[in-house]
Amino acid sequence: MPSGNDYIRKMTLLKEYDYDKFMRVLYKSFEEYPEKVLRDPYPLDVKVKALKKVKGYFEDVEEYEKCDVIKRILNGIEKKDIPDNS
């Protein structure tokens, strides 16, 4: 998952100007790097809140297969188990 100030700046702009694309970029990062989501140093409650928000977005647009991927990551957080990205 890319990181750094430039990435954060670009994601902030994307969130403001193209929320759908912002959510899809977040989802793609979650899907490709679930282990980084789980090992990330952010507090657990912050990660869970963010994941639930993205999951809710994809429920609203009826892309349920994406919800399943996010649910696996949420379950991994709950069980302290790292899901693979398959």
PDB file of N, CA and C in Angstrom:
ATOM      1  N   MET A   1       0.852  -1.163   0.000  1.00  0.00           N
ATOM      2  CA  MET A   1       0.000   0.000   0.000  1.00  0.00           C
ATOM      3  C   MET A   1       0.903   1.231   0.000  1.00  0.00           C
ATOM      4  N   PRO A   2       0.716   2.114  -0.942  1.00  0.00           N
ATOM      5  CA  PRO A   2       1.561   3.313  -0.986  1.00  0.00           C
ATOM      6  C   PRO A   2       1.387   4.144   0.279  1.00  0.00           C
ATOM      7  N   SER A   3       2.387   4.916   0.591  1.00  0.00           N
ATOM      8  CA  SER A   3       2.284   5.768   1.771  1.00  0.00           C
ATOM      9  C   SER A   3       3.048   7.056   1.518  1.00  0.00           C
ATOM     10  N   GLY A   4       3.033   7.908   2.480  1.00  0.00           N
ATOM     11  CA  GLY A   4       3.764   9.158   2.374  1.00  0.00           C
ATOM     12  C   GLY A   4       2.829  10.340   2.235  1.00  0.00           C
ATOM     13  N   ASN A   5       3.424  11.514   2.429  1.00  0.00           N
ATOM     14  CA  ASN A   5       2.635  12.745   2.412  1.00  0.00           C
ATOM     15  C   ASN A   5       1.977  13.009   1.066  1.00  0.00           C
ATOM     16  N   ASP A   6       2.678  12.711  -0.031  1.00  0.00           N
ATOM     17  CA  ASP A   6       2.117  12.946  -1.357  1.00  0.00           C
ATOM     18  C   ASP A   6       0.889  12.069  -1.580  1.00  0.00           C
ATOM     19  N   TYR A   7       0.969  10.822  -1.169  1.00  0.00           N
ATOM     20  CA  TYR A   7      -0.158   9.904  -1.305  1.00  0.00           C
ATOM     21  C   TYR A   7      -1.358  10.394  -0.489  1.00  0.00           C
ATOM     22  N   ILE A   8      -1.107  10.816   0.713  1.00  0.00           N
ATOM     23  CA  ILE A   8      -2.189  11.308   1.584  1.00  0.00           C
ATOM     24  C   ILE A   8      -2.834  12.554   0.978  1.00  0.00           C
ATOM     25  N   ARG A   9      -2.022  13.440   0.439  1.00  0.00           N
ATOM     26  CA  ARG A   9      -2.541  14.655  -0.194  1.00  0.00           C
ATOM     27  C   ARG A   9      -3.427  14.297  -1.389  1.00  0.00           C
ATOM     28  N   LYS A  10      -2.952  13.370  -2.217  1.00  0.00           N
ATOM     29  CA  LYS A  10      -3.724  12.959  -3.388  1.00  0.00           C
ATOM     30  C   LYS A  10      -5.033  12.282  -2.980  1.00  0.00           C
ATOM     31  N   MET A  11      -4.988  11.458  -1.955  1.00  0.00           N
ATOM     32  CA  MET A  11      -6.209  10.785  -1.493  1.00  0.00           C
ATOM     33  C   MET A  11      -7.205  11.790  -0.906  1.00  0.00           C
ATOM     34  N   THR A  12      -6.710  12.801  -0.223  1.00  0.00           N
ATOM     35  CA  THR A  12      -7.584  13.834   0.331  1.00  0.00           C
ATOM     36  C   THR A  12      -8.293  14.589  -0.789  1.00  0.00           C
ATOM     37  N   LEU A  13      -7.548  14.932  -1.838  1.00  0.00           N
ATOM     38  CA  LEU A  13      -8.147  15.608  -2.993  1.00  0.00           C
ATOM     39  C   LEU A  13      -9.155  14.705  -3.691  1.00  0.00           C
ATOM     40  N   LEU A  14      -8.791  13.446  -3.856  1.00  0.00           N
ATOM     41  CA  LEU A  14      -9.683  12.505  -4.506  1.00  0.00           C
ATOM     42  C   LEU A  14     -10.987  12.362  -3.725  1.00  0.00           C
ATOM     43  N   LYS A  15     -10.886  12.299  -2.411  1.00  0.00           N
ATOM     44  CA  LYS A  15     -12.083  12.188  -1.564  1.00  0.00           C
ATOM     45  C   LYS A  15     -13.014  13.376  -1.775  1.00  0.00           C
ATOM     46  N   GLU A  16     -12.433  14.561  -1.927  1.00  0.00           N
ATOM     47  CA  GLU A  16     -13.236  15.766  -2.117  1.00  0.00           C
ATOM     48  C   GLU A  16     -13.891  15.839  -3.493  1.00  0.00           C
ATOM     49  N   TYR A  17     -13.172  15.377  -4.521  1.00  0.00           N
ATOM     50  CA  TYR A  17     -13.631  15.607  -5.889  1.00  0.00           C
ATOM     51  C   TYR A  17     -14.232  14.388  -6.591  1.00  0.00           C
ATOM     52  N   ASP A  18     -13.924  13.195  -6.116  1.00  0.00           N
ATOM     53  CA  ASP A  18     -14.481  11.989  -6.744  1.00  0.00           C
ATOM     54  C   ASP A  18     -14.577  10.904  -5.676  1.00  0.00           C
ATOM     55  N   TYR A  19     -15.644  10.991  -4.880  1.00  0.00           N
ATOM     56  CA  TYR A  19     -15.801  10.108  -3.722  1.00  0.00           C
ATOM     57  C   TYR A  19     -15.871   8.638  -4.137  1.00  0.00           C
ATOM     58  N   ASP A  20     -16.530   8.352  -5.251  1.00  0.00           N
ATOM     59  CA  ASP A  20     -16.614   6.972  -5.731  1.00  0.00           C
ATOM     60  C   ASP A  20     -15.218   6.424  -6.026  1.00  0.00           C
ATOM     61  N   LYS A  21     -14.429   7.174  -6.729  1.00  0.00           N
ATOM     62  CA  LYS A  21     -13.069   6.722  -7.052  1.00  0.00           C
ATOM     63  C   LYS A  21     -12.235   6.575  -5.778  1.00  0.00           C
ATOM     64  N   PHE A  22     -12.407   7.496  -4.846  1.00  0.00           N
ATOM     65  CA  PHE A  22     -11.715   7.429  -3.556  1.00  0.00           C
ATOM     66  C   PHE A  22     -12.010   6.101  -2.859  1.00  0.00           C
ATOM     67  N   MET A  23     -13.297   5.744  -2.797  1.00  0.00           N
ATOM     68  CA  MET A  23     -13.689   4.492  -2.151  1.00  0.00           C
ATOM     69  C   MET A  23     -13.115   3.279  -2.894  1.00  0.00           C
ATOM     70  N   ARG A  24     -13.084   3.353  -4.209  1.00  0.00           N
ATOM     71  CA  ARG A  24     -12.555   2.241  -5.002  1.00  0.00           C
ATOM     72  C   ARG A  24     -11.045   2.088  -4.829  1.00  0.00           C
ATOM     73  N   VAL A  25     -10.341   3.200  -4.684  1.00  0.00           N
ATOM     74  CA  VAL A  25      -8.897   3.135  -4.419  1.00  0.00           C
ATOM     75  C   VAL A  25      -8.655   2.525  -3.040  1.00  0.00           C
ATOM     76  N   LEU A  26      -9.422   2.955  -2.050  1.00  0.00           N
ATOM     77  CA  LEU A  26      -9.298   2.369  -0.714  1.00  0.00           C
ATOM     78  C   LEU A  26      -9.568   0.871  -0.753  1.00  0.00           C
ATOM     79  N   TYR A  27     -10.667   0.508  -1.417  1.00  0.00           N
ATOM     80  CA  TYR A  27     -11.018  -0.912  -1.516  1.00  0.00           C
ATOM     81  C   TYR A  27      -9.888  -1.708  -2.162  1.00  0.00           C
ATOM     82  N   LYS A  28      -9.345  -1.196  -3.252  1.00  0.00           N
ATOM     83  CA  LYS A  28      -8.277  -1.911  -3.966  1.00  0.00           C
ATOM     84  C   LYS A  28      -7.074  -2.111  -3.047  1.00  0.00           C
ATOM     85  N   SER A  29      -6.757  -1.106  -2.256  1.00  0.00           N
ATOM     86  CA  SER A  29      -5.659  -1.240  -1.292  1.00  0.00           C
ATOM     87  C   SER A  29      -5.972  -2.311  -0.254  1.00  0.00           C
ATOM     88  N   PHE A  30      -7.209  -2.307   0.245  1.00  0.00           N
ATOM     89  CA  PHE A  30      -7.617  -3.324   1.222  1.00  0.00           C
ATOM     90  C   PHE A  30      -7.546  -4.715   0.611  1.00  0.00           C
ATOM     91  N   GLU A  31      -8.000  -4.831  -0.620  1.00  0.00           N
ATOM     92  CA  GLU A  31      -8.039  -6.128  -1.291  1.00  0.00           C
ATOM     93  C   GLU A  31      -6.622  -6.654  -1.565  1.00  0.00           C
ATOM     94  N   GLU A  32      -5.748  -5.788  -2.027  1.00  0.00           N
ATOM     95  CA  GLU A  32      -4.399  -6.221  -2.400  1.00  0.00           C
ATOM     96  C   GLU A  32      -3.463  -6.388  -1.208  1.00  0.00           C
ATOM     97  N   TYR A  33      -3.695  -5.624  -0.155  1.00  0.00           N
ATOM     98  CA  TYR A  33      -2.782  -5.642   0.992  1.00  0.00           C
ATOM     99  C   TYR A  33      -3.512  -5.808   2.319  1.00  0.00           C
ATOM    100  N   PRO A  34      -4.321  -6.861   2.480  1.00  0.00           N
ATOM    101  CA  PRO A  34      -5.068  -6.989   3.743  1.00  0.00           C
ATOM    102  C   PRO A  34      -4.158  -7.105   4.955  1.00  0.00           C
ATOM    103  N   GLU A  35      -2.993  -7.706   4.778  1.00  0.00           N
ATOM    104  CA  GLU A  35      -2.068  -7.854   5.907  1.00  0.00           C
ATOM    105  C   GLU A  35      -1.558  -6.508   6.387  1.00  0.00           C
ATOM    106  N   LYS A  36      -1.410  -5.543   5.479  1.00  0.00           N
ATOM    107  CA  LYS A  36      -0.961  -4.209   5.888  1.00  0.00           C
ATOM    108  C   LYS A  36      -2.057  -3.474   6.643  1.00  0.00           C
ATOM    109  N   VAL A  37      -3.300  -3.722   6.266  1.00  0.00           N
ATOM    110  CA  VAL A  37      -4.414  -3.119   7.000  1.00  0.00           C
ATOM    111  C   VAL A  37      -4.384  -3.623   8.438  1.00  0.00           C
ATOM    112  N   LEU A  38      -4.150  -4.911   8.602  1.00  0.00           N
ATOM    113  CA  LEU A  38      -4.168  -5.499   9.941  1.00  0.00           C
ATOM    114  C   LEU A  38      -2.953  -5.112  10.773  1.00  0.00           C
ATOM    115  N   ARG A  39      -1.818  -4.933  10.133  1.00  0.00           N
ATOM    116  CA  ARG A  39      -0.586  -4.608  10.871  1.00  0.00           C
ATOM    117  C   ARG A  39      -0.336  -3.121  10.989  1.00  0.00           C
ATOM    118  N   ASP A  40      -1.149  -2.335  10.365  1.00  0.00           N
ATOM    119  CA  ASP A  40      -1.054  -0.892  10.372  1.00  0.00           C
ATOM    120  C   ASP A  40      -1.072  -0.376  11.823  1.00  0.00           C
ATOM    121  N   PRO A  41      -0.279   0.663  12.137  1.00  0.00           N
ATOM    122  CA  PRO A  41      -0.201   1.129  13.529  1.00  0.00           C
ATOM    123  C   PRO A  41      -1.393   1.957  14.020  1.00  0.00           C
ATOM    124  N   TYR A  42      -2.342   2.281  13.143  1.00  0.00           N
ATOM    125  CA  TYR A  42      -3.507   3.050  13.599  1.00  0.00           C
ATOM    126  C   TYR A  42      -4.276   2.272  14.651  1.00  0.00           C
ATOM    127  N   PRO A  43      -4.933   2.971  15.554  1.00  0.00           N
ATOM    128  CA  PRO A  43      -5.736   2.292  16.578  1.00  0.00           C
ATOM    129  C   PRO A  43      -6.808   1.411  15.933  1.00  0.00           C
ATOM    130  N   LEU A  44      -7.086   0.322  16.581  1.00  0.00           N
ATOM    131  CA  LEU A  44      -8.040  -0.661  16.087  1.00  0.00           C
ATOM    132  C   LEU A  44      -9.396  -0.035  15.776  1.00  0.00           C
ATOM    133  N   ASP A  45      -9.886   0.819  16.650  1.00  0.00           N
ATOM    134  CA  ASP A  45     -11.205   1.416  16.431  1.00  0.00           C
ATOM    135  C   ASP A  45     -11.238   2.295  15.181  1.00  0.00           C
ATOM    136  N   VAL A  46     -10.116   2.940  14.864  1.00  0.00           N
ATOM    137  CA  VAL A  46     -10.034   3.771  13.660  1.00  0.00           C
ATOM    138  C   VAL A  46     -10.092   2.892  12.411  1.00  0.00           C
ATOM    139  N   LYS A  47      -9.357   1.787  12.437  1.00  0.00           N
ATOM    140  CA  LYS A  47      -9.363   0.867  11.294  1.00  0.00           C
ATOM    141  C   LYS A  47     -10.745   0.264  11.084  1.00  0.00           C
ATOM    142  N   VAL A  48     -11.371  -0.180  12.158  1.00  0.00           N
ATOM    143  CA  VAL A  48     -12.691  -0.802  12.056  1.00  0.00           C
ATOM    144  C   VAL A  48     -13.702   0.209  11.526  1.00  0.00           C
ATOM    145  N   LYS A  49     -13.657   1.430  12.017  1.00  0.00           N
ATOM    146  CA  LYS A  49     -14.580   2.465  11.563  1.00  0.00           C
ATOM    147  C   LYS A  49     -14.396   2.731  10.060  1.00  0.00           C
ATOM    148  N   ALA A  50     -13.156   2.833   9.618  1.00  0.00           N
ATOM    149  CA  ALA A  50     -12.878   3.082   8.197  1.00  0.00           C
ATOM    150  C   ALA A  50     -13.352   1.921   7.329  1.00  0.00           C
ATOM    151  N   LEU A  51     -13.052   0.701   7.752  1.00  0.00           N
ATOM    152  CA  LEU A  51     -13.480  -0.469   6.991  1.00  0.00           C
ATOM    153  C   LEU A  51     -15.000  -0.553   6.906  1.00  0.00           C
ATOM    154  N   LYS A  52     -15.680  -0.272   7.994  1.00  0.00           N
ATOM    155  CA  LYS A  52     -17.149  -0.315   7.992  1.00  0.00           C
ATOM    156  C   LYS A  52     -17.729   0.770   7.095  1.00  0.00           C
ATOM    157  N   LYS A  53     -17.091   1.919   7.061  1.00  0.00           N
ATOM    158  CA  LYS A  53     -17.569   2.996   6.192  1.00  0.00           C
ATOM    159  C   LYS A  53     -17.436   2.597   4.719  1.00  0.00           C
ATOM    160  N   VAL A  54     -16.308   2.010   4.359  1.00  0.00           N
ATOM    161  CA  VAL A  54     -16.107   1.567   2.977  1.00  0.00           C
ATOM    162  C   VAL A  54     -17.081   0.439   2.650  1.00  0.00           C
ATOM    163  N   LYS A  55     -17.256  -0.483   3.574  1.00  0.00           N
ATOM    164  CA  LYS A  55     -18.211  -1.587   3.370  1.00  0.00           C
ATOM    165  C   LYS A  55     -19.624  -1.034   3.165  1.00  0.00           C
ATOM    166  N   GLY A  56     -20.006  -0.067   3.967  1.00  0.00           N
ATOM    167  CA  GLY A  56     -21.319   0.549   3.827  1.00  0.00           C
ATOM    168  C   GLY A  56     -21.502   1.224   2.480  1.00  0.00           C
ATOM    169  N   TYR A  57     -20.449   1.848   1.995  1.00  0.00           N
ATOM    170  CA  TYR A  57     -20.513   2.483   0.677  1.00  0.00           C
ATOM    171  C   TYR A  57     -20.824   1.443  -0.395  1.00  0.00           C
ATOM    172  N   PHE A  58     -20.111   0.319  -0.359  1.00  0.00           N
ATOM    173  CA  PHE A  58     -20.319  -0.703  -1.378  1.00  0.00           C
ATOM    174  C   PHE A  58     -21.646  -1.445  -1.188  1.00  0.00           C
ATOM    175  N   GLU A  59     -22.164  -1.463   0.006  1.00  0.00           N
ATOM    176  CA  GLU A  59     -23.526  -1.981   0.193  1.00  0.00           C
ATOM    177  C   GLU A  59     -24.526  -1.040  -0.482  1.00  0.00           C
ATOM    178  N   ASP A  60     -24.314   0.249  -0.317  1.00  0.00           N
ATOM    179  CA  ASP A  60     -25.219   1.240  -0.913  1.00  0.00           C
ATOM    180  C   ASP A  60     -25.228   1.174  -2.437  1.00  0.00           C
ATOM    181  N   VAL A  61     -24.074   0.885  -3.034  1.00  0.00           N
ATOM    182  CA  VAL A  61     -24.011   0.803  -4.504  1.00  0.00           C
ATOM    183  C   VAL A  61     -24.185  -0.637  -4.985  1.00  0.00           C
ATOM    184  N   GLU A  62     -24.541  -1.509  -4.046  1.00  0.00           N
ATOM    185  CA  GLU A  62     -24.878  -2.917  -4.325  1.00  0.00           C
ATOM    186  C   GLU A  62     -23.745  -3.699  -4.994  1.00  0.00           C
ATOM    187  N   GLU A  63     -22.526  -3.475  -4.509  1.00  0.00           N
ATOM    188  CA  GLU A  63     -21.378  -4.251  -4.959  1.00  0.00           C
ATOM    189  C   GLU A  63     -20.958  -5.161  -3.800  1.00  0.00           C
ATOM    190  N   TYR A  64     -21.767  -6.189  -3.611  1.00  0.00           N
ATOM    191  CA  TYR A  64     -21.667  -7.032  -2.428  1.00  0.00           C
ATOM    192  C   TYR A  64     -20.404  -7.888  -2.392  1.00  0.00           C
ATOM    193  N   GLU A  65     -19.825  -8.203  -3.537  1.00  0.00           N
ATOM    194  CA  GLU A  65     -18.582  -8.986  -3.522  1.00  0.00           C
ATOM    195  C   GLU A  65     -17.460  -8.206  -2.845  1.00  0.00           C
ATOM    196  N   LYS A  66     -17.486  -6.894  -2.975  1.00  0.00           N
ATOM    197  CA  LYS A  66     -16.491  -6.061  -2.300  1.00  0.00           C
ATOM    198  C   LYS A  66     -16.744  -6.062  -0.788  1.00  0.00           C
ATOM    199  N   CYS A  67     -18.003  -6.115  -0.410  1.00  0.00           N
ATOM    200  CA  CYS A  67     -18.354  -6.174   1.011  1.00  0.00           C
ATOM    201  C   CYS A  67     -17.804  -7.444   1.650  1.00  0.00           C
ATOM    202  N   ASP A  68     -17.833  -8.543   0.908  1.00  0.00           N
ATOM    203  CA  ASP A  68     -17.309  -9.807   1.436  1.00  0.00           C
ATOM    204  C   ASP A  68     -15.819  -9.717   1.732  1.00  0.00           C
ATOM    205  N   VAL A  69     -15.068  -9.073   0.844  1.00  0.00           N
ATOM    206  CA  VAL A  69     -13.622  -8.905   1.054  1.00  0.00           C
ATOM    207  C   VAL A  69     -13.382  -8.088   2.322  1.00  0.00           C
ATOM    208  N   ILE A  70     -14.108  -7.006   2.469  1.00  0.00           N
ATOM    209  CA  ILE A  70     -13.940  -6.149   3.648  1.00  0.00           C
ATOM    210  C   ILE A  70     -14.379  -6.886   4.905  1.00  0.00           C
ATOM    211  N   LYS A  71     -15.432  -7.660   4.803  1.00  0.00           N
ATOM    212  CA  LYS A  71     -15.895  -8.454   5.955  1.00  0.00           C
ATOM    213  C   LYS A  71     -14.819  -9.444   6.406  1.00  0.00           C
ATOM    214  N   ARG A  72     -14.117 -10.058   5.459  1.00  0.00           N
ATOM    215  CA  ARG A  72     -13.020 -10.977   5.817  1.00  0.00           C
ATOM    216  C   ARG A  72     -11.926 -10.240   6.590  1.00  0.00           C
ATOM    217  N   ILE A  73     -11.622  -9.026   6.170  1.00  0.00           N
ATOM    218  CA  ILE A  73     -10.604  -8.243   6.882  1.00  0.00           C
ATOM    219  C   ILE A  73     -11.106  -7.885   8.278  1.00  0.00           C
ATOM    220  N   LEU A  74     -12.360  -7.462   8.381  1.00  0.00           N
ATOM    221  CA  LEU A  74     -12.933  -7.156   9.701  1.00  0.00           C
ATOM    222  C   LEU A  74     -12.904  -8.387  10.604  1.00  0.00           C
ATOM    223  N   ASN A  75     -13.233  -9.542  10.046  1.00  0.00           N
ATOM    224  CA  ASN A  75     -13.168 -10.784  10.823  1.00  0.00           C
ATOM    225  C   ASN A  75     -11.737 -11.078  11.250  1.00  0.00           C
ATOM    226  N   GLY A  76     -10.782 -10.795  10.359  1.00  0.00           N
ATOM    227  CA  GLY A  76      -9.368 -10.988  10.696  1.00  0.00           C
ATOM    228  C   GLY A  76      -8.929 -10.096  11.845  1.00  0.00           C
ATOM    229  N   ILE A  77      -9.427  -8.879  11.853  1.00  0.00           N
ATOM    230  CA  ILE A  77      -9.115  -7.963  12.958  1.00  0.00           C
ATOM    231  C   ILE A  77      -9.694  -8.518  14.256  1.00  0.00           C
ATOM    232  N   GLU A  78     -10.930  -8.969  14.188  1.00  0.00           N
ATOM    233  CA  GLU A  78     -11.596  -9.513  15.378  1.00  0.00           C
ATOM    234  C   GLU A  78     -10.863 -10.738  15.911  1.00  0.00           C
ATOM    235  N   LYS A  79     -10.416 -11.602  15.010  1.00  0.00           N
ATOM    236  CA  LYS A  79      -9.749 -12.853  15.406  1.00  0.00           C
ATOM    237  C   LYS A  79      -8.233 -12.709  15.502  1.00  0.00           C
ATOM    238  N   LYS A  80      -7.734 -11.500  15.149  1.00  0.00           N
ATOM    239  CA  LYS A  80      -6.295 -11.263  15.096  1.00  0.00           C
ATOM    240  C   LYS A  80      -5.621 -12.240  14.130  1.00  0.00           C
ATOM    241  N   ASP A  81      -6.291 -12.483  13.021  1.00  0.00           N
ATOM    242  CA  ASP A  81      -5.820 -13.382  11.978  1.00  0.00           C
ATOM    243  C   ASP A  81      -5.730 -12.577  10.688  1.00  0.00           C
ATOM    244  N   ILE A  82      -4.708 -12.827   9.906  1.00  0.00           N
ATOM    245  CA  ILE A  82      -4.498 -12.069   8.682  1.00  0.00           C
ATOM    246  C   ILE A  82      -5.033 -12.852   7.492  1.00  0.00           C
ATOM    247  N   PRO A  83      -6.105 -12.347   6.833  1.00  0.00           N
ATOM    248  CA  PRO A  83      -6.620 -13.058   5.671  1.00  0.00           C
ATOM    249  C   PRO A  83      -5.683 -12.876   4.477  1.00  0.00           C
ATOM    250  N   ASP A  84      -5.671 -13.864   3.580  1.00  0.00           N
ATOM    251  CA  ASP A  84      -4.907 -13.652   2.358  1.00  0.00           C
ATOM    252  C   ASP A  84      -5.787 -12.901   1.375  1.00  0.00           C
ATOM    253  N   ASN A  85      -5.200 -12.461   0.278  1.00  0.00           N
ATOM    254  CA  ASN A  85      -5.955 -11.650  -0.656  1.00  0.00           C
ATOM    255  C   ASN A  85      -6.536 -12.455  -1.793  1.00  0.00           C
ATOM    256  N   SER A  86      -6.824 -13.735  -1.562  1.00  0.00           N
ATOM    257  CA  SER A  86      -7.423 -14.553  -2.626  1.00  0.00           C
ATOM    258  C   SER A  86      -8.922 -14.602  -2.493  1.00  0.00           C
TER     259      SER A  86
END
